[in-house]
């Protein structure tokens, strides 16, 4: 019988989604995770060890300083993580480990010099992360609610803004800029126990770059993309929502663009179900846009049309597997949580993107997003 792999991670769980997934424990500094058979082993420093024992009862928590003392007694003057890992492995009679593909090259080299065989696992370190449990879906829904709180505050600020003679938006006596509106959104999310980073508030031509955060004064009668993707401070799970709005009156080209994206999203949502090819969903949206006369390509040195994926997985990372794009592989599976976010971008008109989060089921998509879609405010 083949021996099971021994999984090794050395990372902080503030930034490593895999470490947070495995331990359920927020720790700002790197620590050691080992799993072979039975309970995972966590090697923690004195600052974190008591908390780890309380918050990660499914793990066996041992003391980093105890191992360092033991190694010093054995003539290792300045024990490093590699020395501690080798000692834990020696106790477990283990000689090889499997690590994530982003594992530190320097640490891997140290371990190999100490006689530990290190091999990287390609792709997802925990493939089961793709399929969300009912509890995880609740956590994503809670983070999504934080995003919707931010969206509601942003929309309200736009509704309350005045339009001056130059079509600039004035909010509480001062020009409404992308930066000010982003602050309104992010503060609301913070009050809802979420953390917002790089919230997108992009008006006019700025909205034609899908990842442009937005800057400067916002104007009436042109599309403004609001893309909000906060992380829950409590759980680490993300929410993600995008709406496109016009303060004032949308031009006919913007109305047509918005309606096309709205209908394109409906097509994608109808296609989402277990067993459907991820690339097929994307191709259906692309084909619909082309039939409506919205071509994708490069013009005057920049891309226009629909030139990003239709969606992505969502969970402990803002972008997870699976991806729904032109080059994506595989089929959707029940239990995955994905975004559905088609968009169209033309510098002469502006950008429009709409994004909801859905749970993939055997029979379709359960939309977890509740926030309304409205063009004009």
Protein backbone atom coordinates (compact mmCIF):
# COMPACT_ATOMS: atom_id res chain seq x y z
CA UNK A 1 0.00 0.00 0.00
CA UNK A 2 1.34 3.41 -0.99
CA UNK A 3 2.23 5.68 1.92
CA UNK A 4 0.09 8.84 2.09
CA UNK A 5 1.68 12.15 1.19
CA UNK A 6 2.92 14.37 3.97
CA UNK A 7 1.72 17.90 3.32
CA UNK A 8 3.91 20.79 4.44
CA UNK A 9 3.14 24.50 4.44
CA UNK A 10 5.09 27.35 5.99
CA UNK A 11 3.14 30.57 5.68
CA UNK A 12 1.04 33.09 7.56
CA UNK A 13 -2.69 32.58 7.34
CA UNK A 14 -3.42 36.27 6.83
CA UNK A 15 -2.17 35.92 3.25
CA UNK A 16 -2.21 32.17 2.56
CA UNK A 17 -5.72 31.01 1.79
CA UNK A 18 -4.57 27.39 1.97
CA UNK A 19 -3.19 27.88 5.49
CA UNK A 20 -6.39 29.60 6.62
CA UNK A 21 -8.48 26.85 5.03
CA UNK A 22 -6.48 24.11 6.77
CA UNK A 23 -6.34 25.71 10.22
CA UNK A 24 -9.24 28.18 10.46
CA UNK A 25 -6.79 30.38 12.34
CA UNK A 26 -5.69 33.94 11.54
CA UNK A 27 -1.95 34.27 12.27
CA UNK A 28 0.08 37.22 10.90
CA UNK A 29 3.50 35.50 10.97
CA UNK A 30 4.59 32.32 9.17
CA UNK A 31 4.16 29.04 11.03
CA UNK A 32 4.57 25.35 10.23
CA UNK A 33 1.75 23.03 9.16
CA UNK A 34 2.38 19.31 8.67
CA UNK A 35 -0.19 16.66 7.82
CA UNK A 36 0.41 12.99 7.14
CA UNK A 37 -2.05 10.71 8.86
CA UNK A 38 -4.41 11.76 11.62
CA UNK A 39 -4.48 15.26 13.07
CA UNK A 40 -2.40 17.98 11.41
CA UNK A 41 0.54 19.32 13.41
CA UNK A 42 0.98 23.06 13.91
CA UNK A 43 4.31 24.36 15.20
CA UNK A 44 3.54 27.70 16.84
CA UNK A 45 5.55 30.38 18.59
CA UNK A 46 4.85 31.21 22.24
CA UNK A 47 2.76 34.24 21.29
CA UNK A 48 0.22 32.17 19.35
CA UNK A 49 0.31 28.70 20.91
CA UNK A 50 -2.49 29.06 23.47
CA UNK A 51 -4.83 30.73 21.01
CA UNK A 52 -4.07 28.08 18.40
CA UNK A 53 -4.97 25.29 20.82
CA UNK A 54 -8.33 26.94 21.48
CA UNK A 55 -9.21 27.94 17.93
CA UNK A 56 -7.79 24.95 16.03
CA UNK A 57 -8.85 21.95 18.14
CA UNK A 58 -8.68 19.68 15.08
CA UNK A 59 -4.90 20.23 15.02
CA UNK A 60 -2.15 19.06 17.35
CA UNK A 61 -0.36 22.26 18.40
CA UNK A 62 3.29 22.02 19.51
CA UNK A 63 5.79 24.61 20.68
CA UNK A 64 8.35 26.12 18.32
CA UNK A 65 10.51 27.26 21.25
CA UNK A 66 10.54 23.74 22.73
CA UNK A 67 11.89 22.36 19.47
CA UNK A 68 14.46 25.15 19.24
CA UNK A 69 15.68 24.36 22.78
CA UNK A 70 15.94 20.68 21.93
CA UNK A 71 17.95 21.44 18.79
CA UNK A 72 20.32 23.71 20.69
CA UNK A 73 20.96 20.89 23.14
CA UNK A 74 21.83 18.78 20.10
CA UNK A 75 24.44 21.31 18.93
CA UNK A 76 22.29 23.26 16.44
CA UNK A 77 23.28 26.73 17.55
CA UNK A 78 20.73 28.81 15.66
CA UNK A 79 17.80 26.55 14.75
CA UNK A 80 15.89 27.66 11.68
CA UNK A 81 12.49 26.56 10.40
CA UNK A 82 14.17 23.91 8.25
CA UNK A 83 15.85 22.39 11.32
CA UNK A 84 12.58 22.32 13.24
CA UNK A 85 10.70 20.77 10.30
CA UNK A 86 13.33 18.07 9.91
CA UNK A 87 13.14 17.28 13.63
CA UNK A 88 9.34 16.97 13.56
CA UNK A 89 9.58 14.76 10.49
CA UNK A 90 12.25 12.60 12.13
CA UNK A 91 9.95 12.01 15.09
CA UNK A 92 7.22 10.96 12.70
CA UNK A 93 9.67 8.79 10.68
CA UNK A 94 8.92 10.81 7.55
CA UNK A 95 11.54 11.64 4.91
CA UNK A 96 9.61 13.39 2.13
CA UNK A 97 7.04 16.17 1.96
CA UNK A 98 4.68 17.65 -0.61
CA UNK A 99 4.52 21.45 -0.66
CA UNK A 100 2.45 24.09 -2.53
CA UNK A 101 3.87 25.24 -5.85
CA UNK A 102 4.56 28.70 -4.36
CA UNK A 103 6.63 27.24 -1.50
CA UNK A 104 9.81 29.14 -0.64
CA UNK A 105 12.69 28.00 -2.86
CA UNK A 106 15.19 28.92 -0.16
CA UNK A 107 13.42 26.83 2.48
CA UNK A 108 13.03 23.91 0.08
CA UNK A 109 16.77 24.04 -0.62
CA UNK A 110 17.56 24.05 3.11
CA UNK A 111 15.31 21.06 3.70
CA UNK A 112 16.89 19.10 0.87
CA UNK A 113 20.36 19.80 2.30
CA UNK A 114 19.09 18.31 5.58
CA UNK A 115 18.01 15.15 3.79
CA UNK A 116 14.30 15.89 3.35
CA UNK A 117 12.86 15.15 -0.10
CA UNK A 118 10.65 18.03 -1.26
CA UNK A 119 8.19 17.83 -4.13
CA UNK A 120 5.71 20.47 -5.22
CA UNK A 121 2.06 19.76 -5.91
CA UNK A 122 0.99 21.40 -9.15
CA UNK A 123 -2.28 23.28 -9.17
CA UNK A 124 -4.52 23.57 -6.13
CA UNK A 125 -2.87 22.35 -2.93
CA UNK A 126 -6.29 21.50 -1.50
CA UNK A 127 -8.46 20.66 -4.54
CA UNK A 128 -11.45 20.27 -2.21
CA UNK A 129 -11.40 24.05 -1.68
CA UNK A 130 -13.25 24.41 -4.98
CA UNK A 131 -16.37 22.78 -3.55
CA UNK A 132 -17.94 24.89 -0.83
CA UNK A 133 -19.72 23.40 2.15
CA UNK A 134 -23.04 24.84 3.29
CA UNK A 135 -21.14 26.66 6.05
CA UNK A 136 -18.73 28.18 3.53
CA UNK A 137 -21.62 29.33 1.35
CA UNK A 138 -23.03 31.13 4.40
CA UNK A 139 -19.68 32.82 4.98
CA UNK A 140 -19.45 33.95 1.36
CA UNK A 141 -23.05 35.21 1.52
CA UNK A 142 -22.19 37.20 4.66
CA UNK A 143 -19.19 38.77 2.91
CA UNK A 144 -21.39 39.48 -0.11
CA UNK A 145 -23.84 41.25 2.17
CA UNK A 146 -20.99 43.50 3.29
CA UNK A 147 -20.33 44.31 -0.36
CA UNK A 148 -24.02 45.12 -0.83
CA UNK A 149 -23.93 47.43 2.21
CA UNK A 150 -21.07 49.30 0.57
CA UNK A 151 -22.89 49.38 -2.77
CA UNK A 152 -26.04 50.78 -1.13
CA UNK A 153 -24.06 53.59 0.53
CA UNK A 154 -22.29 54.37 -2.73
CA UNK A 155 -25.55 54.50 -4.63
CA UNK A 156 -27.12 56.75 -1.99
CA UNK A 157 -24.22 59.20 -2.22
CA UNK A 158 -24.66 59.33 -5.97
CA UNK A 159 -28.42 59.87 -5.64
CA UNK A 160 -27.88 62.73 -3.18
CA UNK A 161 -25.24 64.40 -5.32
CA UNK A 162 -26.15 67.55 -7.25
CA UNK A 163 -25.26 68.19 -10.87
CA UNK A 164 -23.57 71.51 -11.62
CA UNK A 165 -23.48 73.41 -14.91
CA UNK A 166 -20.41 71.49 -16.08
CA UNK A 167 -22.10 68.14 -15.34
CA UNK A 168 -19.84 67.59 -12.35
CA UNK A 169 -21.32 65.83 -9.33
CA UNK A 170 -21.38 67.80 -6.07
CA UNK A 171 -21.81 65.89 -2.81
CA UNK A 172 -22.24 67.73 0.49
CA UNK A 173 -20.94 70.94 -1.02
CA UNK A 174 -17.78 69.47 -2.55
CA UNK A 175 -16.96 67.76 -5.86
CA UNK A 176 -17.68 64.05 -5.77
CA UNK A 177 -14.55 62.21 -6.87
CA UNK A 178 -13.81 58.53 -7.30
CA UNK A 179 -11.67 58.77 -4.19
CA UNK A 180 -14.46 60.30 -2.06
CA UNK A 181 -17.07 57.81 -3.23
CA UNK A 182 -14.65 54.94 -2.65
CA UNK A 183 -14.14 56.21 0.92
CA UNK A 184 -17.91 56.25 1.48
CA UNK A 185 -18.18 52.66 0.25
CA UNK A 186 -15.14 51.38 2.14
CA UNK A 187 -16.18 53.02 5.42
CA UNK A 188 -19.61 51.40 5.21
CA UNK A 189 -17.98 48.02 4.65
CA UNK A 190 -15.65 48.56 7.61
CA UNK A 191 -18.65 49.28 9.83
CA UNK A 192 -20.16 46.00 8.59
CA UNK A 193 -17.00 44.16 9.77
CA UNK A 194 -15.48 43.81 6.31
CA UNK A 195 -12.22 44.98 4.80
CA UNK A 196 -12.32 46.61 1.37
CA UNK A 197 -9.22 46.92 -0.78
CA UNK A 198 -8.90 48.44 -4.26
CA UNK A 199 -12.63 49.12 -4.62
CA UNK A 200 -13.31 50.28 -8.18
CA UNK A 201 -15.15 53.54 -8.78
CA UNK A 202 -14.42 54.28 -12.43
CA UNK A 203 -16.41 56.80 -14.45
CA UNK A 204 -16.52 57.57 -18.15
CA UNK A 205 -13.48 56.47 -20.16
CA UNK A 206 -11.77 55.22 -16.98
CA UNK A 207 -14.37 52.46 -16.85
CA UNK A 208 -13.03 51.07 -20.13
CA UNK A 209 -10.05 49.63 -18.25
CA UNK A 210 -11.67 46.84 -16.18
CA UNK A 211 -9.16 47.10 -13.31
CA UNK A 212 -8.78 50.88 -13.22
CA UNK A 213 -9.65 51.93 -9.65
CA UNK A 214 -10.83 55.35 -10.79
CA UNK A 215 -9.62 58.81 -9.91
CA UNK A 216 -10.73 62.40 -10.13
CA UNK A 217 -14.13 64.02 -10.49
CA UNK A 218 -17.21 62.04 -11.37
CA UNK A 219 -19.62 63.43 -13.94
CA UNK A 220 -23.33 63.16 -14.63
CA UNK A 221 -24.86 61.36 -17.59
CA UNK A 222 -21.98 58.91 -18.07
CA UNK A 223 -21.56 55.32 -16.80
CA UNK A 224 -19.79 54.73 -13.50
CA UNK A 225 -18.60 51.20 -12.69
CA UNK A 226 -18.73 50.24 -9.00
CA UNK A 227 -16.88 46.98 -8.32
CA UNK A 228 -16.72 46.04 -4.63
CA UNK A 229 -15.01 42.93 -3.26
CA UNK A 230 -14.54 43.03 0.52
CA UNK A 231 -13.12 40.35 2.80
CA UNK A 232 -14.85 39.39 6.01
CA UNK A 233 -12.67 40.27 8.99
CA UNK A 234 -14.12 37.33 10.90
CA UNK A 235 -13.90 34.49 8.37
CA UNK A 236 -11.54 35.61 5.59
CA UNK A 237 -14.10 34.85 2.87
CA UNK A 238 -14.76 37.34 0.07
CA UNK A 239 -17.85 38.88 -1.45
CA UNK A 240 -17.88 40.42 -4.95
CA UNK A 241 -20.41 42.60 -6.72
CA UNK A 242 -20.37 45.02 -9.65
CA UNK A 243 -23.00 47.46 -10.80
CA UNK A 244 -22.88 50.16 -13.46
CA UNK A 245 -24.92 53.31 -12.94
CA UNK A 246 -25.48 56.75 -14.43
CA UNK A 247 -26.24 59.74 -12.22
CA UNK A 248 -28.65 61.67 -14.38
CA UNK A 249 -29.68 60.50 -17.84
CA UNK A 250 -27.99 57.77 -19.86
CA UNK A 251 -27.46 58.33 -23.56
CA UNK A 252 -29.00 55.91 -26.02
CA UNK A 253 -25.63 54.22 -26.77
CA UNK A 254 -25.10 53.67 -23.03
CA UNK A 255 -28.63 52.28 -22.65
CA UNK A 256 -28.04 49.81 -25.47
CA UNK A 257 -24.67 48.83 -24.04
CA UNK A 258 -26.19 48.29 -20.60
CA UNK A 259 -29.11 46.25 -21.94
CA UNK A 260 -26.72 44.06 -23.94
CA UNK A 261 -24.57 43.32 -20.88
CA UNK A 262 -27.71 42.74 -18.79
CA UNK A 263 -29.03 40.22 -21.33
CA UNK A 264 -25.59 38.65 -21.70
CA UNK A 265 -25.41 38.07 -17.97
CA UNK A 266 -28.86 36.45 -18.04
CA UNK A 267 -27.64 34.07 -20.77
CA UNK A 268 -24.60 33.14 -18.67
CA UNK A 269 -26.70 32.65 -15.54
CA UNK A 270 -29.04 30.32 -17.45
CA UNK A 271 -26.05 28.28 -18.63
CA UNK A 272 -24.49 27.84 -15.17
CA UNK A 273 -25.11 24.34 -13.84
CA UNK A 274 -23.04 21.31 -12.92
CA UNK A 275 -21.54 19.67 -15.99
CA UNK A 276 -21.52 22.72 -18.26
CA UNK A 277 -18.19 23.58 -19.87
CA UNK A 278 -16.72 26.80 -18.44
CA UNK A 279 -15.45 27.88 -21.87
CA UNK A 280 -18.88 27.20 -23.43
CA UNK A 281 -20.52 29.70 -21.05
CA UNK A 282 -17.97 32.33 -22.02
CA UNK A 283 -18.37 31.61 -25.74
CA UNK A 284 -22.16 31.96 -25.54
CA UNK A 285 -21.79 35.44 -24.05
CA UNK A 286 -19.18 36.41 -26.65
CA UNK A 287 -21.40 35.21 -29.47
CA UNK A 288 -24.41 37.10 -28.13
CA UNK A 289 -22.39 40.32 -27.90
CA UNK A 290 -21.13 39.88 -31.46
CA UNK A 291 -24.69 39.26 -32.72
CA UNK A 292 -25.71 42.53 -31.10
CA UNK A 293 -22.94 44.27 -33.05
CA UNK A 294 -20.44 44.62 -30.23
CA UNK A 295 -17.18 43.31 -31.61
CA UNK A 296 -14.08 42.65 -29.54
CA UNK A 297 -10.63 43.60 -30.73
CA UNK A 298 -7.82 46.11 -30.65
CA UNK A 299 -8.41 49.64 -31.87
CA UNK A 300 -5.96 52.53 -31.67
CA UNK A 301 -3.62 50.43 -29.56
CA UNK A 302 -6.12 49.35 -26.89
CA UNK A 303 -8.64 46.57 -26.44
CA UNK A 304 -12.36 47.21 -26.66
CA UNK A 305 -15.43 45.02 -26.43
CA UNK A 306 -15.51 41.99 -24.14
CA UNK A 307 -11.91 41.03 -23.37
CA UNK A 308 -11.98 39.43 -19.94
CA UNK A 309 -13.46 36.22 -18.56
CA UNK A 310 -17.13 35.74 -17.77
CA UNK A 311 -16.41 34.75 -14.18
CA UNK A 312 -14.20 33.14 -11.58
CA UNK A 313 -14.38 31.11 -8.41
CA UNK A 314 -14.82 32.95 -5.12
CA UNK A 315 -13.98 31.94 -1.56
CA UNK A 316 -10.94 32.54 0.63
CA UNK A 317 -9.37 34.25 -2.39
CA UNK A 318 -10.98 36.84 -4.60
CA UNK A 319 -9.96 34.85 -7.70
CA UNK A 320 -10.10 31.07 -7.33
CA UNK A 321 -10.72 28.07 -9.54
CA UNK A 322 -12.67 27.61 -11.67
CA UNK A 323 -12.32 30.28 -14.32
CA UNK A 324 -14.90 30.92 -17.02
CA UNK A 325 -12.98 32.29 -19.97
CA UNK A 326 -11.91 31.67 -23.54
CA UNK A 327 -9.05 29.34 -22.54
CA UNK A 328 -10.53 27.78 -19.41
CA UNK A 329 -10.82 24.02 -19.18
CA UNK A 330 -13.19 21.65 -17.47
CA UNK A 331 -16.81 21.73 -16.44
CA UNK A 332 -18.61 23.31 -13.52
CA UNK A 333 -19.30 21.16 -10.47
CA UNK A 334 -22.07 21.35 -7.90
CA UNK A 335 -20.84 23.22 -4.84
CA UNK A 336 -18.62 25.70 -6.64
CA UNK A 337 -19.28 29.39 -6.02
CA UNK A 338 -18.55 31.60 -9.03
CA UNK A 339 -19.02 35.15 -10.20
CA UNK A 340 -20.89 35.93 -13.42
CA UNK A 341 -19.59 39.27 -14.68
CA UNK A 342 -19.69 40.02 -18.41
CA UNK A 343 -18.76 43.51 -19.54
CA UNK A 344 -18.42 45.71 -22.61
CA UNK A 345 -15.97 48.59 -22.93
CA UNK A 346 -15.77 51.24 -25.67
CA UNK A 347 -13.83 54.49 -25.09
CA UNK A 348 -16.37 56.50 -27.08
CA UNK A 349 -19.26 55.29 -24.90
CA UNK A 350 -17.82 54.05 -21.60
CA UNK A 351 -17.77 50.75 -19.79
CA UNK A 352 -20.56 48.55 -18.44
CA UNK A 353 -20.08 45.51 -16.20
CA UNK A 354 -22.60 43.62 -14.07
CA UNK A 355 -21.54 40.99 -11.55
CA UNK A 356 -23.44 38.56 -9.35
CA UNK A 357 -22.22 35.63 -7.24
CA UNK A 358 -23.90 32.25 -7.70
CA UNK A 359 -23.75 28.77 -6.23
CA UNK A 360 -23.50 26.02 -8.85
CA UNK A 361 -26.13 23.31 -8.37
CA UNK A 362 -26.98 20.18 -10.41
CA UNK A 363 -29.93 21.99 -11.98
CA UNK A 364 -28.74 25.59 -12.33
CA UNK A 365 -27.34 28.60 -10.54
CA UNK A 366 -28.55 29.81 -7.16
CA UNK A 367 -27.96 33.56 -7.16
CA UNK A 368 -26.56 34.65 -3.80
CA UNK A 369 -26.67 38.33 -4.78
CA UNK A 370 -29.74 40.30 -3.77
CA UNK A 371 -28.83 43.83 -4.85
CA UNK A 372 -30.96 45.41 -7.57
CA UNK A 373 -29.74 46.32 -11.03
CA UNK A 374 -30.66 49.84 -12.08
CA UNK A 375 -28.97 52.05 -14.65
CA UNK A 376 -30.13 55.58 -13.86
CA UNK A 377 -30.00 57.23 -10.44
